Amino acid sequence: LATWSSIWAWARVPEPPDTTEIAAGDLPTATVIVAARNEERDLPRCIASLLAQDYPTDRFEVLLVDDRSTDGTGALMQRACAENPHLFALNTADYPTHLHAKARAVAMAAQQARNEWFVILDADAHVPPGWLRGMMSVTDAQTGMVAGPVIGESSSANGVVEKLFLSYAIGVVYGIEGLGGEPVTNGPNMAIHRDSYFPGGLPSIPFRVAEDITMWRLNRRTNKRVAAALSARTLARVAPVEGFVAMFKMHKRWIVGGATDGPVDVRLSVFGVGLYAFVGSLLPLFTIWTLPVPTLAAVGMRALGDFLVLAAWRRRLGLTGLLRWFPVLEAYVWTGFLVIPLW
């Protein structure tokens, strides 16, 4: 029922309005922040997608932050910036902070950003030409953050599973807005207003893992809303991690981040979902022997809900190839929900 209510709620989340007719001077100014460490494989595609944006170049800038890479990432950034005056390269090597990894890069870029909105995109992601317009189109004076959808690319076996799981897990998150709640932003594709980030920013709030949830907490201080930009125009496609072990570690990191860095309601949600998922996968292994008919009925209802999530996500974002892999998702959900909560 919770899954089905999320699907119903998606229909209540409006599509980002068409802003192609808005005069350039009326569009919000934006700084796109791309933090990268050893991303020479995927960064060129990310930069190319940002250069293809249909946003006026005098209304946005791109800050490419090299977070102490040991490959050719820094050189790639320098070349791109030399050829495009609205791109700028930064390096965290001499940036004094207690922060680590992506949080360090984002914090440095925020200090350098000149515009109203900080729009954060992962270096292994690429976006369609209308992405920035779509993200900015849902903003108004009462908006402090924007949550954009993310999907993995199925270029490998674990990539297929990652794509399915992102559709399943992140898809439910966006249903919260349709139910009158507040979606939690996702690090690879999100935006925060300058006035929500400052004063203080990431260095001002202790956290372990989740810089995206921490910025969500920063926004809560302002009582401004989080808007969902849920459409194919705002979809960020991310490269899959390398291998199933890395994918399990990533999913574990998401849970740890929500359980340790989120406010009380987010922590309770993570605990509740984890408990539901674990019990929902474990209990049928015992009840199938004593209550076969109710167990099979319950398992069937759960599988149908999972299928409907994929179908709704596919329709809303114009995705293809999701439904034929549904059995793979079910296998991962059942095994992953047994292993990851305990881990």
C-alpha atoms as a PDB file:
ATOM      1  CA  LEU A   1       0.000   0.000   0.000  1.00  0.00           C
ATOM      2  CA  ALA A   2       2.861   2.383   0.770  1.00  0.00           C
ATOM      3  CA  THR A   3       4.361   1.663  -2.634  1.00  0.00           C
ATOM      4  CA  TRP A   4       1.062   2.165  -4.435  1.00  0.00           C
ATOM      5  CA  SER A   5       0.391   5.428  -2.587  1.00  0.00           C
ATOM      6  CA  SER A   6       3.776   6.694  -3.799  1.00  0.00           C
ATOM      7  CA  ILE A   7       2.814   5.895  -7.382  1.00  0.00           C
ATOM      8  CA  TRP A   8      -0.466   7.770  -6.943  1.00  0.00           C
ATOM      9  CA  ALA A   9       1.470  10.659  -5.421  1.00  0.00           C
ATOM     10  CA  TRP A  10       3.742  11.007  -8.479  1.00  0.00           C
ATOM     11  CA  ALA A  11       0.727  12.026 -10.499  1.00  0.00           C
ATOM     12  CA  ARG A  12       0.319  14.936  -8.077  1.00  0.00           C
ATOM     13  CA  VAL A  13       3.880  16.199  -8.589  1.00  0.00           C
ATOM     14  CA  PRO A  14       3.619  18.692 -11.457  1.00  0.00           C
ATOM     15  CA  GLU A  15       5.891  18.563 -14.454  1.00  0.00           C
ATOM     16  CA  PRO A  16       8.457  21.401 -14.477  1.00  0.00           C
ATOM     17  CA  PRO A  17       6.931  24.257 -16.494  1.00  0.00           C
ATOM     18  CA  ASP A  18       8.239  25.166 -19.926  1.00  0.00           C
ATOM     19  CA  THR A  19      10.591  28.142 -19.529  1.00  0.00           C
ATOM     20  CA  THR A  20      11.868  28.366 -23.095  1.00  0.00           C
ATOM     21  CA  GLU A  21       9.863  31.557 -23.682  1.00  0.00           C
ATOM     22  CA  ILE A  22      11.115  33.344 -20.554  1.00  0.00           C
ATOM     23  CA  ALA A  23      13.420  36.269 -21.299  1.00  0.00           C
ATOM     24  CA  ALA A  24      17.042  35.534 -20.436  1.00  0.00           C
ATOM     25  CA  GLY A  25      17.177  38.373 -17.910  1.00  0.00           C
ATOM     26  CA  ASP A  26      14.286  36.841 -15.941  1.00  0.00           C
ATOM     27  CA  LEU A  27      15.957  33.473 -15.408  1.00  0.00           C
ATOM     28  CA  PRO A  28      17.666  32.838 -12.051  1.00  0.00           C
ATOM     29  CA  THR A  29      21.442  32.936 -12.066  1.00  0.00           C
ATOM     30  CA  ALA A  30      23.041  29.588 -11.343  1.00  0.00           C
ATOM     31  CA  THR A  31      26.450  28.144 -10.547  1.00  0.00           C
ATOM     32  CA  VAL A  32      26.837  24.495 -11.543  1.00  0.00           C
ATOM     33  CA  ILE A  33      29.296  22.713  -9.240  1.00  0.00           C
ATOM     34  CA  VAL A  34      31.002  19.544 -10.466  1.00  0.00           C
ATOM     35  CA  ALA A  35      33.303  17.865  -7.952  1.00  0.00           C
ATOM     36  CA  ALA A  36      35.669  15.302  -9.461  1.00  0.00           C
ATOM     37  CA  ARG A  37      38.387  12.999  -8.250  1.00  0.00           C
ATOM     38  CA  ASN A  38      40.006  10.717 -10.814  1.00  0.00           C
ATOM     39  CA  GLU A  39      37.122  11.108 -13.250  1.00  0.00           C
ATOM     40  CA  GLU A  40      39.019  11.418 -16.545  1.00  0.00           C
ATOM     41  CA  ARG A  41      36.875   8.642 -18.053  1.00  0.00           C
ATOM     42  CA  ASP A  42      33.454  10.214 -17.427  1.00  0.00           C
ATOM     43  CA  LEU A  43      34.191  13.923 -16.997  1.00  0.00           C
ATOM     44  CA  PRO A  44      34.376  14.795 -20.738  1.00  0.00           C
ATOM     45  CA  ARG A  45      30.804  13.617 -21.267  1.00  0.00           C
ATOM     46  CA  CYS A  46      29.642  15.579 -18.217  1.00  0.00           C
ATOM     47  CA  ILE A  47      31.305  18.769 -19.477  1.00  0.00           C
ATOM     48  CA  ALA A  48      29.919  18.274 -22.989  1.00  0.00           C
ATOM     49  CA  SER A  49      26.380  17.993 -21.615  1.00  0.00           C
ATOM     50  CA  LEU A  50      26.842  21.226 -19.638  1.00  0.00           C
ATOM     51  CA  LEU A  51      28.160  23.058 -22.693  1.00  0.00           C
ATOM     52  CA  ALA A  52      25.028  21.946 -24.565  1.00  0.00           C
ATOM     53  CA  GLN A  53      22.632  23.569 -22.068  1.00  0.00           C
ATOM     54  CA  ASP A  54      20.007  25.875 -23.543  1.00  0.00           C
ATOM     55  CA  TYR A  55      20.562  28.334 -20.679  1.00  0.00           C
ATOM     56  CA  PRO A  56      22.036  31.773 -21.403  1.00  0.00           C
ATOM     57  CA  THR A  57      25.767  31.592 -20.730  1.00  0.00           C
ATOM     58  CA  ASP A  58      25.699  34.990 -19.036  1.00  0.00           C
ATOM     59  CA  ARG A  59      23.202  33.589 -16.482  1.00  0.00           C
ATOM     60  CA  PHE A  60      25.208  30.560 -15.365  1.00  0.00           C
ATOM     61  CA  GLU A  61      28.755  29.492 -14.679  1.00  0.00           C
ATOM     62  CA  VAL A  62      30.321  26.076 -14.170  1.00  0.00           C
ATOM     63  CA  LEU A  63      32.871  25.454 -11.417  1.00  0.00           C
ATOM     64  CA  LEU A  64      34.891  22.302 -12.075  1.00  0.00           C
ATOM     65  CA  VAL A  65      36.594  21.250  -8.845  1.00  0.00           C
ATOM     66  CA  ASP A  66      39.545  18.879  -8.966  1.00  0.00           C
ATOM     67  CA  ASP A  67      39.556  17.141  -5.589  1.00  0.00           C
ATOM     68  CA  ARG A  68      43.197  16.044  -5.503  1.00  0.00           C
ATOM     69  CA  SER A  69      43.064  13.749  -8.535  1.00  0.00           C
ATOM     70  CA  THR A  70      46.032  11.600  -9.514  1.00  0.00           C
ATOM     71  CA  ASP A  71      44.996  11.063 -13.136  1.00  0.00           C
ATOM     72  CA  GLY A  72      44.295  13.491 -15.992  1.00  0.00           C
ATOM     73  CA  THR A  73      41.179  15.055 -14.461  1.00  0.00           C
ATOM     74  CA  GLY A  74      42.867  18.370 -13.715  1.00  0.00           C
ATOM     75  CA  ALA A  75      44.271  18.713 -17.228  1.00  0.00           C
ATOM     76  CA  LEU A  76      40.845  17.993 -18.725  1.00  0.00           C
ATOM     77  CA  MET A  77      39.347  20.764 -16.620  1.00  0.00           C
ATOM     78  CA  GLN A  78      42.007  23.265 -17.597  1.00  0.00           C
ATOM     79  CA  ARG A  79      41.486  22.606 -21.311  1.00  0.00           C
ATOM     80  CA  ALA A  80      37.713  22.936 -21.047  1.00  0.00           C
ATOM     81  CA  CYS A  81      38.000  26.201 -19.116  1.00  0.00           C
ATOM     82  CA  ALA A  82      40.495  27.655 -21.584  1.00  0.00           C
ATOM     83  CA  GLU A  83      37.987  27.112 -24.397  1.00  0.00           C
ATOM     84  CA  ASN A  84      34.827  28.263 -22.578  1.00  0.00           C
ATOM     85  CA  PRO A  85      34.795  31.534 -20.628  1.00  0.00           C
ATOM     86  CA  HIS A  86      31.892  30.539 -18.336  1.00  0.00           C
ATOM     87  CA  LEU A  87      33.777  27.465 -17.081  1.00  0.00           C
ATOM     88  CA  PHE A  88      36.254  27.793 -14.207  1.00  0.00           C
ATOM     89  CA  ALA A  89      38.676  25.279 -12.704  1.00  0.00           C
ATOM     90  CA  LEU A  90      39.374  24.952  -8.970  1.00  0.00           C
ATOM     91  CA  ASN A  91      41.616  22.632  -6.975  1.00  0.00           C
ATOM     92  CA  THR A  92      41.155  21.631  -3.336  1.00  0.00           C
ATOM     93  CA  ALA A  93      44.854  20.886  -2.776  1.00  0.00           C
ATOM     94  CA  ASP A  94      45.422  24.026  -0.705  1.00  0.00           C
ATOM     95  CA  TYR A  95      41.888  24.474   0.650  1.00  0.00           C
ATOM     96  CA  PRO A  96      42.004  24.410   4.478  1.00  0.00           C
ATOM     97  CA  THR A  97      39.032  22.455   5.847  1.00  0.00           C
ATOM     98  CA  HIS A  98      38.141  19.462   7.995  1.00  0.00           C
ATOM     99  CA  LEU A  99      35.813  18.218   5.239  1.00  0.00           C
ATOM    100  CA  HIS A 100      36.678  15.325   2.961  1.00  0.00           C
ATOM    101  CA  ALA A 101      35.996  14.180  -0.604  1.00  0.00           C
ATOM    102  CA  LYS A 102      32.963  15.656  -2.352  1.00  0.00           C
ATOM    103  CA  ALA A 103      31.920  17.762   0.641  1.00  0.00           C
ATOM    104  CA  ARG A 104      35.316  19.498   0.576  1.00  0.00           C
ATOM    105  CA  ALA A 105      34.990  20.274  -3.123  1.00  0.00           C
ATOM    106  CA  VAL A 106      31.423  21.555  -2.837  1.00  0.00           C
ATOM    107  CA  ALA A 107      32.293  23.751   0.148  1.00  0.00           C
ATOM    108  CA  MET A 108      35.200  25.304  -1.722  1.00  0.00           C
ATOM    109  CA  ALA A 109      33.101  25.942  -4.819  1.00  0.00           C
ATOM    110  CA  ALA A 110      30.307  27.524  -2.780  1.00  0.00           C
ATOM    111  CA  GLN A 111      32.801  30.042  -1.434  1.00  0.00           C
ATOM    112  CA  GLN A 112      33.761  30.966  -5.001  1.00  0.00           C
ATOM    113  CA  ALA A 113      30.282  30.872  -6.583  1.00  0.00           C
ATOM    114  CA  ARG A 114      28.835  34.192  -7.722  1.00  0.00           C
ATOM    115  CA  ASN A 115      25.216  33.304  -8.435  1.00  0.00           C
ATOM    116  CA  GLU A 116      21.868  32.786  -6.684  1.00  0.00           C
ATOM    117  CA  TRP A 117      21.642  29.021  -7.034  1.00  0.00           C
ATOM    118  CA  PHE A 118      24.269  26.321  -6.479  1.00  0.00           C
ATOM    119  CA  VAL A 119      23.372  23.391  -8.758  1.00  0.00           C
ATOM    120  CA  ILE A 120      25.331  20.242  -7.933  1.00  0.00           C
ATOM    121  CA  LEU A 121      25.997  17.536 -10.508  1.00  0.00           C
ATOM    122  CA  ASP A 122      28.250  14.497 -10.169  1.00  0.00           C
ATOM    123  CA  ALA A 123      31.237  14.273 -12.481  1.00  0.00           C
ATOM    124  CA  ASP A 124      30.163  10.842 -13.761  1.00  0.00           C
ATOM    125  CA  ALA A 125      26.726  12.165 -14.759  1.00  0.00           C
ATOM    126  CA  HIS A 126      25.439  13.728 -17.954  1.00  0.00           C
ATOM    127  CA  VAL A 127      22.223  15.662 -18.507  1.00  0.00           C
ATOM    128  CA  PRO A 128      19.943  16.682 -21.404  1.00  0.00           C
ATOM    129  CA  PRO A 129      20.093  20.212 -22.881  1.00  0.00           C
ATOM    130  CA  GLY A 130      17.015  21.384 -20.954  1.00  0.00           C
ATOM    131  CA  TRP A 131      18.315  20.199 -17.577  1.00  0.00           C
ATOM    132  CA  LEU A 132      19.282  23.527 -16.020  1.00  0.00           C
ATOM    133  CA  ARG A 133      16.128  25.262 -17.255  1.00  0.00           C
ATOM    134  CA  GLY A 134      14.058  22.404 -15.860  1.00  0.00           C
ATOM    135  CA  MET A 135      15.766  22.553 -12.466  1.00  0.00           C
ATOM    136  CA  MET A 136      15.360  26.317 -12.215  1.00  0.00           C
ATOM    137  CA  SER A 137      11.776  26.315 -13.523  1.00  0.00           C
ATOM    138  CA  VAL A 138      10.361  24.920 -10.253  1.00  0.00           C
ATOM    139  CA  THR A 139      11.894  27.651  -8.096  1.00  0.00           C
ATOM    140  CA  ASP A 140      10.221  30.688  -6.580  1.00  0.00           C
ATOM    141  CA  ALA A 141      10.754  32.965  -3.587  1.00  0.00           C
ATOM    142  CA  GLN A 142       9.710  30.183  -1.197  1.00  0.00           C
ATOM    143  CA  THR A 143      12.034  27.528  -2.653  1.00  0.00           C
ATOM    144  CA  GLY A 144      15.307  26.742  -0.950  1.00  0.00           C
ATOM    145  CA  MET A 145      16.276  23.505  -2.687  1.00  0.00           C
ATOM    146  CA  VAL A 146      15.506  21.496  -5.808  1.00  0.00           C
ATOM    147  CA  ALA A 147      15.664  17.694  -6.010  1.00  0.00           C
ATOM    148  CA  GLY A 148      16.345  16.243  -9.450  1.00  0.00           C
ATOM    149  CA  PRO A 149      15.934  12.592 -10.512  1.00  0.00           C
ATOM    150  CA  VAL A 150      18.881  10.244 -11.048  1.00  0.00           C
ATOM    151  CA  ILE A 151      19.151   7.011 -13.023  1.00  0.00           C
ATOM    152  CA  GLY A 152      22.053   4.643 -13.602  1.00  0.00           C
ATOM    153  CA  GLU A 153      23.226   3.506 -17.008  1.00  0.00           C
ATOM    154  CA  SER A 154      22.895  -0.193 -17.759  1.00  0.00           C
ATOM    155  CA  SER A 155      26.251  -0.666 -19.442  1.00  0.00           C
ATOM    156  CA  SER A 156      27.214  -3.679 -17.310  1.00  0.00           C
ATOM    157  CA  ALA A 157      25.562  -6.426 -15.254  1.00  0.00           C
ATOM    158  CA  ASN A 158      25.772  -4.471 -12.013  1.00  0.00           C
ATOM    159  CA  GLY A 159      24.799  -1.372 -14.000  1.00  0.00           C
ATOM    160  CA  VAL A 160      21.465  -3.006 -14.830  1.00  0.00           C
ATOM    161  CA  VAL A 161      20.850  -3.723 -11.138  1.00  0.00           C
ATOM    162  CA  GLU A 162      21.937  -0.219 -10.137  1.00  0.00           C
ATOM    163  CA  LYS A 163      19.580   1.342 -12.696  1.00  0.00           C
ATOM    164  CA  LEU A 164      16.693  -0.767 -11.456  1.00  0.00           C
ATOM    165  CA  PHE A 165      17.384  -0.066  -7.797  1.00  0.00           C
ATOM    166  CA  LEU A 166      17.715   3.681  -8.344  1.00  0.00           C
ATOM    167  CA  SER A 167      14.358   3.627 -10.110  1.00  0.00           C
ATOM    168  CA  TYR A 168      12.855   1.667  -7.233  1.00  0.00           C
ATOM    169  CA  ALA A 169      14.373   3.458  -4.245  1.00  0.00           C
ATOM    170  CA  ILE A 170      14.622   7.076  -5.427  1.00  0.00           C
ATOM    171  CA  GLY A 171      11.278   6.799  -7.157  1.00  0.00           C
ATOM    172  CA  VAL A 172       9.532   6.283  -3.820  1.00  0.00           C
ATOM    173  CA  VAL A 173      11.253   9.372  -2.389  1.00  0.00           C
ATOM    174  CA  TYR A 174       9.663  11.646  -4.961  1.00  0.00           C
ATOM    175  CA  GLY A 175       6.204  10.410  -4.076  1.00  0.00           C
ATOM    176  CA  ILE A 176       6.602  12.214  -0.755  1.00  0.00           C
ATOM    177  CA  GLU A 177       6.019  15.606  -2.391  1.00  0.00           C
ATOM    178  CA  GLY A 178       2.782  14.426  -3.944  1.00  0.00           C
ATOM    179  CA  LEU A 179       1.641  13.370  -0.472  1.00  0.00           C
ATOM    180  CA  GLY A 180       2.338  16.864   0.862  1.00  0.00           C
ATOM    181  CA  GLY A 181       5.777  16.088   2.300  1.00  0.00           C
ATOM    182  CA  GLU A 182       9.302  17.156   1.445  1.00  0.00           C
ATOM    183  CA  PRO A 183      11.525  15.072  -0.842  1.00  0.00           C
ATOM    184  CA  VAL A 184      15.094  14.468   0.283  1.00  0.00           C
ATOM    185  CA  THR A 185      17.635  15.720  -2.236  1.00  0.00           C
ATOM    186  CA  ASN A 186      20.040  13.346  -4.008  1.00  0.00           C
ATOM    187  CA  GLY A 187      23.703  14.304  -4.187  1.00  0.00           C
ATOM    188  CA  PRO A 188      24.250  13.634  -7.914  1.00  0.00           C
ATOM    189  CA  ASN A 189      21.491  16.044  -9.043  1.00  0.00           C
ATOM    190  CA  MET A 190      20.302  18.816  -6.731  1.00  0.00           C
ATOM    191  CA  ALA A 191      20.310  22.563  -6.172  1.00  0.00           C
ATOM    192  CA  ILE A 192      20.398  24.812  -3.116  1.00  0.00           C
ATOM    193  CA  HIS A 193      19.839  28.557  -2.938  1.00  0.00           C
ATOM    194  CA  ARG A 194      22.692  30.724  -1.700  1.00  0.00           C
ATOM    195  CA  ASP A 195      20.566  32.019   1.198  1.00  0.00           C
ATOM    196  CA  SER A 196      19.823  28.463   2.318  1.00  0.00           C
ATOM    197  CA  TYR A 197      23.458  27.390   2.164  1.00  0.00           C
ATOM    198  CA  PHE A 198      24.896  30.428   3.919  1.00  0.00           C
ATOM    199  CA  PRO A 199      25.703  31.416   6.613  1.00  0.00           C
ATOM    200  CA  GLY A 200      27.918  28.551   7.634  1.00  0.00           C
ATOM    201  CA  GLY A 201      27.492  26.039   4.854  1.00  0.00           C
ATOM    202  CA  LEU A 202      28.788  22.480   5.023  1.00  0.00           C
ATOM    203  CA  PRO A 203      31.676  23.300   7.410  1.00  0.00           C
ATOM    204  CA  SER A 204      29.182  24.474  10.053  1.00  0.00           C
ATOM    205  CA  ILE A 205      27.308  21.169  10.596  1.00  0.00           C
ATOM    206  CA  PRO A 206      29.049  17.960  11.711  1.00  0.00           C
ATOM    207  CA  PHE A 207      28.310  14.950   9.531  1.00  0.00           C
ATOM    208  CA  ARG A 208      29.927  11.676   8.466  1.00  0.00           C
ATOM    209  CA  VAL A 209      28.838  10.755   4.975  1.00  0.00           C
ATOM    210  CA  ALA A 210      25.853  12.516   3.457  1.00  0.00           C
ATOM    211  CA  GLU A 211      26.629  16.043   2.293  1.00  0.00           C
ATOM    212  CA  ASP A 212      23.304  16.122   0.412  1.00  0.00           C
ATOM    213  CA  ILE A 213      21.256  15.442   3.557  1.00  0.00           C
ATOM    214  CA  THR A 214      23.415  17.939   5.445  1.00  0.00           C
ATOM    215  CA  MET A 215      22.555  20.656   2.921  1.00  0.00           C
ATOM    216  CA  TRP A 216      18.933  19.601   3.276  1.00  0.00           C
ATOM    217  CA  ARG A 217      19.334  20.301   7.000  1.00  0.00           C
ATOM    218  CA  LEU A 218      20.833  23.707   6.192  1.00  0.00           C
ATOM    219  CA  ASN A 219      17.749  24.536   4.163  1.00  0.00           C
ATOM    220  CA  ARG A 220      15.450  23.550   7.011  1.00  0.00           C
ATOM    221  CA  ARG A 221      16.762  26.500   9.006  1.00  0.00           C
ATOM    222  CA  THR A 222      15.120  28.835   6.490  1.00  0.00           C
ATOM    223  CA  ASN A 223      11.698  27.145   6.445  1.00  0.00           C
ATOM    224  CA  LYS A 224      11.844  27.177   2.641  1.00  0.00           C
ATOM    225  CA  ARG A 225      10.460  24.286   0.641  1.00  0.00           C
ATOM    226  CA  VAL A 226      12.227  21.589  -1.349  1.00  0.00           C
ATOM    227  CA  ALA A 227      10.787  21.355  -4.867  1.00  0.00           C
ATOM    228  CA  ALA A 228      10.898  18.193  -6.965  1.00  0.00           C
ATOM    229  CA  ALA A 229      11.907  18.728 -10.610  1.00  0.00           C
ATOM    230  CA  LEU A 230      10.612  15.397 -11.821  1.00  0.00           C
ATOM    231  CA  SER A 231      10.788  15.005 -15.592  1.00  0.00           C
ATOM    232  CA  ALA A 232      12.858  13.584 -18.421  1.00  0.00           C
ATOM    233  CA  ARG A 233      14.288  17.093 -18.954  1.00  0.00           C
ATOM    234  CA  THR A 234      15.864  17.117 -15.486  1.00  0.00           C
ATOM    235  CA  LEU A 235      17.096  13.521 -15.426  1.00  0.00           C
ATOM    236  CA  ALA A 236      20.781  12.961 -14.655  1.00  0.00           C
ATOM    237  CA  ARG A 237      22.231   9.701 -15.941  1.00  0.00           C
ATOM    238  CA  VAL A 238      25.170   8.422 -13.906  1.00  0.00           C
ATOM    239  CA  ALA A 239      27.799   5.868 -14.830  1.00  0.00           C
ATOM    240  CA  PRO A 240      27.522   2.627 -12.832  1.00  0.00           C
ATOM    241  CA  VAL A 241      30.050   1.794 -10.160  1.00  0.00           C
ATOM    242  CA  GLU A 242      32.565  -0.913 -10.972  1.00  0.00           C
ATOM    243  CA  GLY A 243      31.263  -4.250  -9.741  1.00  0.00           C
ATOM    244  CA  PHE A 244      28.662  -5.619  -7.351  1.00  0.00           C
ATOM    245  CA  VAL A 245      30.819  -5.184  -4.248  1.00  0.00           C
ATOM    246  CA  ALA A 246      31.188  -1.474  -4.933  1.00  0.00           C
ATOM    247  CA  MET A 247      27.437  -1.226  -5.510  1.00  0.00           C
ATOM    248  CA  PHE A 248      26.680  -2.930  -2.182  1.00  0.00           C
ATOM    249  CA  LYS A 249      29.079  -0.529  -0.460  1.00  0.00           C
ATOM    250  CA  MET A 250      27.362   2.434  -2.113  1.00  0.00           C
ATOM    251  CA  HIS A 251      23.936   1.319  -0.941  1.00  0.00           C
ATOM    252  CA  LYS A 252      25.313   0.738   2.534  1.00  0.00           C
ATOM    253  CA  ARG A 253      26.764   4.274   2.479  1.00  0.00           C
ATOM    254  CA  TRP A 254      23.337   5.697   1.602  1.00  0.00           C
ATOM    255  CA  ILE A 255      21.788   3.969   4.615  1.00  0.00           C
ATOM    256  CA  VAL A 256      24.606   5.029   6.947  1.00  0.00           C
ATOM    257  CA  GLY A 257      24.319   8.612   5.705  1.00  0.00           C
ATOM    258  CA  GLY A 258      20.588   8.769   6.313  1.00  0.00           C
ATOM    259  CA  ALA A 259      20.875   7.045   9.689  1.00  0.00           C
ATOM    260  CA  THR A 260      23.704   9.220  11.016  1.00  0.00           C
ATOM    261  CA  ASP A 261      23.506  12.587   9.256  1.00  0.00           C
ATOM    262  CA  GLY A 262      19.777  13.093   8.872  1.00  0.00           C
ATOM    263  CA  PRO A 263      17.440  14.826  11.316  1.00  0.00           C
ATOM    264  CA  VAL A 264      15.287  12.700  13.617  1.00  0.00           C
ATOM    265  CA  ASP A 265      12.453  12.188  11.141  1.00  0.00           C
ATOM    266  CA  VAL A 266      14.867  11.024   8.416  1.00  0.00           C
ATOM    267  CA  ARG A 267      16.597   8.657  10.840  1.00  0.00           C
ATOM    268  CA  LEU A 268      13.259   7.182  11.869  1.00  0.00           C
ATOM    269  CA  SER A 269      12.316   6.792   8.207  1.00  0.00           C
ATOM    270  CA  VAL A 270      15.568   4.981   7.415  1.00  0.00           C
ATOM    271  CA  PHE A 271      15.071   2.696  10.408  1.00  0.00           C
ATOM    272  CA  GLY A 272      11.439   2.037   9.530  1.00  0.00           C
ATOM    273  CA  VAL A 273      12.123   1.274   5.881  1.00  0.00           C
ATOM    274  CA  GLY A 274      15.096  -0.897   6.800  1.00  0.00           C
ATOM    275  CA  LEU A 275      13.033  -2.852   9.322  1.00  0.00           C
ATOM    276  CA  TYR A 276      10.167  -3.265   6.865  1.00  0.00           C
ATOM    277  CA  ALA A 277      12.531  -4.389   4.112  1.00  0.00           C
ATOM    278  CA  PHE A 278      14.414  -6.839   6.325  1.00  0.00           C
ATOM    279  CA  VAL A 279      11.321  -8.404   7.899  1.00  0.00           C
ATOM    280  CA  GLY A 280       9.517  -8.386   4.566  1.00  0.00           C
ATOM    281  CA  SER A 281      12.314 -10.466   3.039  1.00  0.00           C
ATOM    282  CA  LEU A 282      12.965 -12.713   6.032  1.00  0.00           C
ATOM    283  CA  LEU A 283       9.480 -13.579   7.257  1.00  0.00           C
ATOM    284  CA  PRO A 284       8.218 -15.396   4.112  1.00  0.00           C
ATOM    285  CA  LEU A 285      11.118 -17.853   4.388  1.00  0.00           C
ATOM    286  CA  PHE A 286       9.441 -19.169   7.558  1.00  0.00           C
ATOM    287  CA  THR A 287       5.734 -18.627   6.927  1.00  0.00           C
ATOM    288  CA  ILE A 288       5.751 -20.298   3.505  1.00  0.00           C
ATOM    289  CA  TRP A 289       5.775 -23.670   5.312  1.00  0.00           C
ATOM    290  CA  THR A 290       2.987 -22.918   7.765  1.00  0.00           C
ATOM    291  CA  LEU A 291       0.851 -20.351   5.902  1.00  0.00           C
ATOM    292  CA  PRO A 292       1.536 -20.982   2.218  1.00  0.00           C
ATOM    293  CA  VAL A 293      -1.523 -19.271   0.714  1.00  0.00           C
ATOM    294  CA  PRO A 294      -1.329 -15.980   2.728  1.00  0.00           C
ATOM    295  CA  THR A 295       2.441 -15.898   2.234  1.00  0.00           C
ATOM    296  CA  LEU A 296       2.220 -16.291  -1.534  1.00  0.00           C
ATOM    297  CA  ALA A 297      -0.533 -13.667  -1.630  1.00  0.00           C
ATOM    298  CA  ALA A 298       1.602 -11.213   0.368  1.00  0.00           C
ATOM    299  CA  VAL A 299       4.672 -11.885  -1.776  1.00  0.00           C
ATOM    300  CA  GLY A 300       2.588 -11.373  -4.902  1.00  0.00           C
ATOM    301  CA  MET A 301       1.216  -8.061  -3.614  1.00  0.00           C
ATOM    302  CA  ARG A 302       4.714  -6.862  -2.825  1.00  0.00           C
ATOM    303  CA  ALA A 303       6.026  -7.892  -6.247  1.00  0.00           C
ATOM    304  CA  LEU A 304       3.090  -6.176  -7.949  1.00  0.00           C
ATOM    305  CA  GLY A 305       3.850  -2.971  -6.040  1.00  0.00           C
ATOM    306  CA  ASP A 306       7.499  -3.141  -7.089  1.00  0.00           C
ATOM    307  CA  PHE A 307       6.470  -3.673 -10.703  1.00  0.00           C
ATOM    308  CA  LEU A 308       4.145  -0.671 -10.590  1.00  0.00           C
ATOM    309  CA  VAL A 309       6.971   1.497  -9.239  1.00  0.00           C
ATOM    310  CA  LEU A 310       9.117   0.644 -12.256  1.00  0.00           C
ATOM    311  CA  ALA A 311       6.195   1.148 -14.629  1.00  0.00           C
ATOM    312  CA  ALA A 312       5.360   4.573 -13.177  1.00  0.00           C
ATOM    313  CA  TRP A 313       9.005   5.664 -13.138  1.00  0.00           C
ATOM    314  CA  ARG A 314       9.405   4.500 -16.740  1.00  0.00           C
ATOM    315  CA  ARG A 315       6.360   6.452 -17.860  1.00  0.00           C
ATOM    316  CA  ARG A 316       7.186   9.641 -15.950  1.00  0.00           C
ATOM    317  CA  LEU A 317      10.794   9.868 -17.102  1.00  0.00           C
ATOM    318  CA  GLY A 318      10.487   8.304 -20.550  1.00  0.00           C
ATOM    319  CA  LEU A 319      12.787   5.404 -19.677  1.00  0.00           C
ATOM    320  CA  THR A 320      12.958   2.225 -21.704  1.00  0.00           C
ATOM    321  CA  GLY A 321      14.126  -1.273 -20.903  1.00  0.00           C
ATOM    322  CA  LEU A 322      13.146  -1.234 -17.222  1.00  0.00           C
ATOM    323  CA  LEU A 323      10.243  -3.637 -17.133  1.00  0.00           C
ATOM    324  CA  ARG A 324      11.923  -6.546 -18.882  1.00  0.00           C
ATOM    325  CA  TRP A 325      14.518  -6.623 -16.093  1.00  0.00           C
ATOM    326  CA  PHE A 326      11.915  -6.703 -13.327  1.00  0.00           C
ATOM    327  CA  PRO A 327      12.865 -10.248 -12.121  1.00  0.00           C
ATOM    328  CA  VAL A 328      16.437  -8.999 -11.627  1.00  0.00           C
ATOM    329  CA  LEU A 329      15.177  -6.181  -9.399  1.00  0.00           C
ATOM    330  CA  GLU A 330      13.111  -8.591  -7.317  1.00  0.00           C
ATOM    331  CA  ALA A 331      16.086 -10.905  -6.826  1.00  0.00           C
ATOM    332  CA  TYR A 332      18.246  -7.985  -5.697  1.00  0.00           C
ATOM    333  CA  VAL A 333      15.556  -6.492  -3.447  1.00  0.00           C
ATOM    334  CA  TRP A 334      15.022  -9.782  -1.653  1.00  0.00           C
ATOM    335  CA  THR A 335      18.699 -10.609  -1.176  1.00  0.00           C
ATOM    336  CA  GLY A 336      19.882  -7.030  -0.663  1.00  0.00           C
ATOM    337  CA  PHE A 337      17.230  -6.265   1.926  1.00  0.00           C
ATOM    338  CA  LEU A 338      18.413  -9.291   3.905  1.00  0.00           C
ATOM    339  CA  VAL A 339      22.111  -8.462   3.697  1.00  0.00           C
ATOM    340  CA  ILE A 340      22.434  -4.643   3.713  1.00  0.00           C
ATOM    341  CA  PRO A 341      20.464  -3.827   6.924  1.00  0.00           C
ATOM    342  CA  LEU A 342      22.539  -6.339   8.907  1.00  0.00           C
ATOM    343  CA  TRP A 343      25.777  -5.141   7.310  1.00  0.00           C
END
